[in-house]
N, C-alpha and C. Protein backbone atom coordinates (compact mmCIF):
# COMPACT_ATOMS: atom_id res chain seq x y z
N MET A 1 49.95 -163.47 25.05
CA MET A 1 48.44 -162.93 24.14
C MET A 1 49.05 -161.62 23.16
N LEU A 2 49.77 -160.80 24.01
CA LEU A 2 50.45 -159.49 23.91
C LEU A 2 51.74 -159.72 22.29
N LYS A 3 52.14 -160.89 22.41
CA LYS A 3 52.53 -161.53 21.28
C LYS A 3 51.95 -160.90 20.06
N MET A 4 50.67 -162.02 19.87
CA MET A 4 49.18 -161.90 19.34
C MET A 4 49.30 -160.81 18.63
N TYR A 5 49.27 -159.41 19.32
CA TYR A 5 48.66 -158.31 19.05
C TYR A 5 49.95 -157.53 18.72
N LYS A 6 51.02 -158.07 18.82
CA LYS A 6 51.80 -157.30 18.30
C LYS A 6 52.05 -157.64 16.46
N GLU A 7 51.99 -158.99 16.69
CA GLU A 7 51.74 -159.26 14.74
C GLU A 7 50.17 -158.84 14.58
N ILE A 8 49.28 -158.36 15.09
CA ILE A 8 48.04 -157.91 14.73
C ILE A 8 48.38 -156.45 14.61
N LEU A 9 48.60 -155.66 15.49
CA LEU A 9 48.84 -154.15 15.13
C LEU A 9 50.40 -154.01 13.73
N THR A 10 50.77 -154.88 13.92
CA THR A 10 51.62 -154.58 12.63
C THR A 10 51.27 -155.07 10.93
N LYS A 11 50.17 -155.98 11.06
CA LYS A 11 49.36 -155.99 9.94
C LYS A 11 48.12 -155.24 10.09
N VAL A 12 47.90 -154.37 10.79
CA VAL A 12 46.53 -153.38 10.89
C VAL A 12 46.87 -151.46 11.19
N SER A 13 48.44 -151.40 10.65
CA SER A 13 48.82 -149.99 11.12
C SER A 13 48.19 -149.45 9.76
N PHE A 14 48.03 -150.01 8.86
CA PHE A 14 48.06 -149.39 7.75
C PHE A 14 46.79 -147.67 7.43
N ASP A 15 46.45 -148.81 8.59
CA ASP A 15 45.00 -147.99 8.60
C ASP A 15 44.72 -147.21 10.27
N ARG A 16 44.83 -146.05 10.03
CA ARG A 16 44.92 -145.54 11.54
C ARG A 16 43.72 -145.89 12.42
N ARG A 17 42.30 -145.89 11.95
CA ARG A 17 41.40 -146.32 13.13
C ARG A 17 40.78 -147.50 13.26
N LEU A 18 41.85 -148.38 12.40
CA LEU A 18 41.76 -150.10 12.65
C LEU A 18 42.79 -150.65 13.99
N PHE A 19 43.22 -149.69 13.69
CA PHE A 19 44.79 -149.23 14.57
C PHE A 19 44.99 -149.34 15.68
N LYS A 20 44.16 -147.99 15.82
CA LYS A 20 43.15 -147.08 17.56
C LYS A 20 42.74 -148.92 18.42
N LYS A 21 41.76 -149.27 17.23
CA LYS A 21 40.88 -149.97 17.53
C LYS A 21 41.44 -151.01 18.39
N GLU A 22 42.60 -151.78 17.35
CA GLU A 22 43.76 -153.10 17.48
C GLU A 22 44.46 -152.66 19.33
N LEU A 23 44.78 -151.53 19.41
CA LEU A 23 45.84 -151.17 20.42
C LEU A 23 45.06 -151.07 21.75
N PHE A 24 43.59 -150.50 21.70
CA PHE A 24 42.97 -150.53 22.57
C PHE A 24 42.37 -152.19 23.64
N LYS A 25 42.54 -152.85 22.21
CA LYS A 25 41.53 -154.31 22.59
C LYS A 25 44.03 -155.09 23.21
N ALA A 26 44.11 -154.57 22.57
CA ALA A 26 45.77 -155.14 23.05
C ALA A 26 46.49 -154.69 24.73
N LEU A 27 45.55 -153.38 24.12
CA LEU A 27 46.23 -152.60 26.41
C LEU A 27 45.36 -153.69 27.30
N LYS A 28 44.57 -154.40 26.60
CA LYS A 28 43.74 -155.13 28.04
C LYS A 28 44.04 -156.30 28.43
N TRP A 29 45.54 -156.35 27.91
CA TRP A 29 46.15 -157.46 28.38
C TRP A 29 47.54 -157.59 28.90
N VAL A 30 47.67 -156.44 28.90
CA VAL A 30 49.12 -155.86 29.82
C VAL A 30 48.22 -156.32 31.34
N GLY A 31 49.38 -156.84 31.83
CA GLY A 31 49.18 -157.40 32.83
C GLY A 31 49.91 -156.60 34.37
N SER A 32 50.95 -156.39 34.13
CA SER A 32 52.02 -155.46 35.25
C SER A 32 51.73 -154.59 34.82
N PRO A 33 52.64 -153.01 35.40
CA PRO A 33 53.23 -151.79 34.73
C PRO A 33 54.26 -151.72 33.87
N LEU A 34 55.06 -153.04 34.21
CA LEU A 34 56.66 -153.84 33.60
C LEU A 34 56.36 -153.59 32.17
N GLU A 35 55.00 -154.61 31.91
CA GLU A 35 54.63 -154.87 31.28
C GLU A 35 53.91 -153.75 29.92
N LEU A 36 53.68 -152.84 30.79
CA LEU A 36 52.95 -151.86 30.23
C LEU A 36 53.84 -150.75 29.16
N TYR A 37 54.76 -150.80 30.44
CA TYR A 37 56.08 -149.66 29.81
C TYR A 37 56.78 -150.32 29.18
N GLN A 38 57.28 -151.80 28.96
CA GLN A 38 57.85 -152.78 27.78
C GLN A 38 56.81 -152.65 26.15
N PHE A 39 55.28 -152.90 26.55
CA PHE A 39 55.13 -152.63 25.39
C PHE A 39 54.76 -150.69 24.67
N ARG A 40 54.96 -150.36 25.54
CA ARG A 40 54.72 -148.26 24.60
C ARG A 40 56.17 -148.73 24.63
N MET A 41 56.96 -148.59 25.29
CA MET A 41 58.16 -148.83 24.60
C MET A 41 57.97 -149.42 22.88
N TRP A 42 57.65 -150.80 23.06
CA TRP A 42 57.60 -151.50 21.79
C TRP A 42 56.75 -150.50 20.62
N CYS A 43 55.92 -150.17 21.06
CA CYS A 43 54.71 -149.31 19.94
C CYS A 43 55.36 -148.14 19.34
N ILE A 44 56.08 -147.54 20.65
CA ILE A 44 57.55 -146.15 20.29
C ILE A 44 57.97 -146.62 18.79
N GLN A 45 58.68 -147.58 19.30
CA GLN A 45 59.82 -147.81 18.47
C GLN A 45 59.17 -148.50 17.00
N GLU A 46 58.63 -149.36 16.41
CA GLU A 46 57.06 -149.79 15.84
C GLU A 46 56.32 -148.82 15.36
N PHE A 47 55.47 -148.04 15.61
CA PHE A 47 54.87 -146.80 14.90
C PHE A 47 55.22 -146.04 15.65
N GLY A 48 56.08 -144.79 16.51
CA GLY A 48 56.07 -144.15 16.67
C GLY A 48 56.09 -142.96 15.31
N ARG A 49 56.65 -143.14 14.44
CA ARG A 49 56.31 -141.98 13.30
C ARG A 49 55.47 -142.46 12.72
N LYS A 50 54.77 -143.45 12.28
CA LYS A 50 53.52 -143.43 11.46
C LYS A 50 52.36 -143.17 12.11
N HIS A 51 51.93 -143.42 13.71
CA HIS A 51 51.05 -143.05 14.01
C HIS A 51 51.12 -142.39 15.87
N PRO A 52 52.09 -141.38 15.15
CA PRO A 52 52.67 -140.32 17.04
C PRO A 52 51.16 -140.09 17.64
N GLU A 53 50.26 -139.81 17.13
CA GLU A 53 48.96 -139.56 17.38
C GLU A 53 48.26 -140.09 18.64
N VAL A 54 48.11 -141.02 17.42
CA VAL A 54 47.19 -142.25 18.22
C VAL A 54 47.39 -142.80 19.03
N LEU A 55 49.38 -142.86 19.41
CA LEU A 55 49.88 -143.52 20.65
C LEU A 55 49.37 -142.25 21.44
N LYS A 56 50.19 -141.15 21.55
CA LYS A 56 50.01 -140.30 22.71
C LYS A 56 48.98 -140.06 23.13
N GLU A 57 47.38 -140.15 22.07
CA GLU A 57 45.87 -140.46 22.65
C GLU A 57 45.24 -141.37 23.42
N VAL A 58 46.27 -142.03 23.35
CA VAL A 58 45.63 -143.89 23.55
C VAL A 58 46.50 -144.19 25.38
N PHE A 59 48.08 -143.64 25.01
CA PHE A 59 48.43 -144.44 25.79
C PHE A 59 48.16 -143.00 27.48
N GLN A 60 47.92 -141.74 26.90
CA GLN A 60 47.65 -140.77 27.81
C GLN A 60 46.28 -141.44 28.19
N GLU A 61 45.11 -142.28 28.12
CA GLU A 61 44.19 -142.07 27.97
C GLU A 61 44.10 -143.89 29.19
N ILE A 62 44.95 -144.41 28.49
CA ILE A 62 45.29 -145.48 29.72
C ILE A 62 46.01 -144.82 31.17
N ASP A 63 46.87 -143.72 31.24
CA ASP A 63 47.55 -143.09 31.94
C ASP A 63 46.46 -142.49 33.03
N ALA A 64 45.74 -142.06 32.83
CA ALA A 64 44.39 -141.54 33.23
C ALA A 64 44.05 -142.56 34.12
N LYS A 65 43.14 -143.72 33.42
CA LYS A 65 42.68 -144.47 33.86
C LYS A 65 43.29 -144.97 34.98
N MET A 66 44.56 -145.27 35.30
CA MET A 66 45.67 -145.76 36.24
C MET A 66 45.63 -144.95 37.64
N THR A 67 45.68 -144.06 36.82
CA THR A 67 46.67 -142.95 38.32
C THR A 67 44.69 -142.76 39.47
N HIS A 68 43.71 -143.21 38.41
CA HIS A 68 42.39 -143.36 39.30
C HIS A 68 41.77 -143.66 39.71
């Protein structure tokens, strides 16, 4: 499922709002801490220059949910 979301994120990366929405959807399919780490690294590599603020905001929110 994450493979599909990687394709979706690539296609919607032109629109900040849509990218953020789809990133949150994709994170629902992460199954383990290792998968989350790998997905995060992929996102940073692919979109870190285009959407750094979105990535920071979304992953901070995910991290906060995982620590509670």
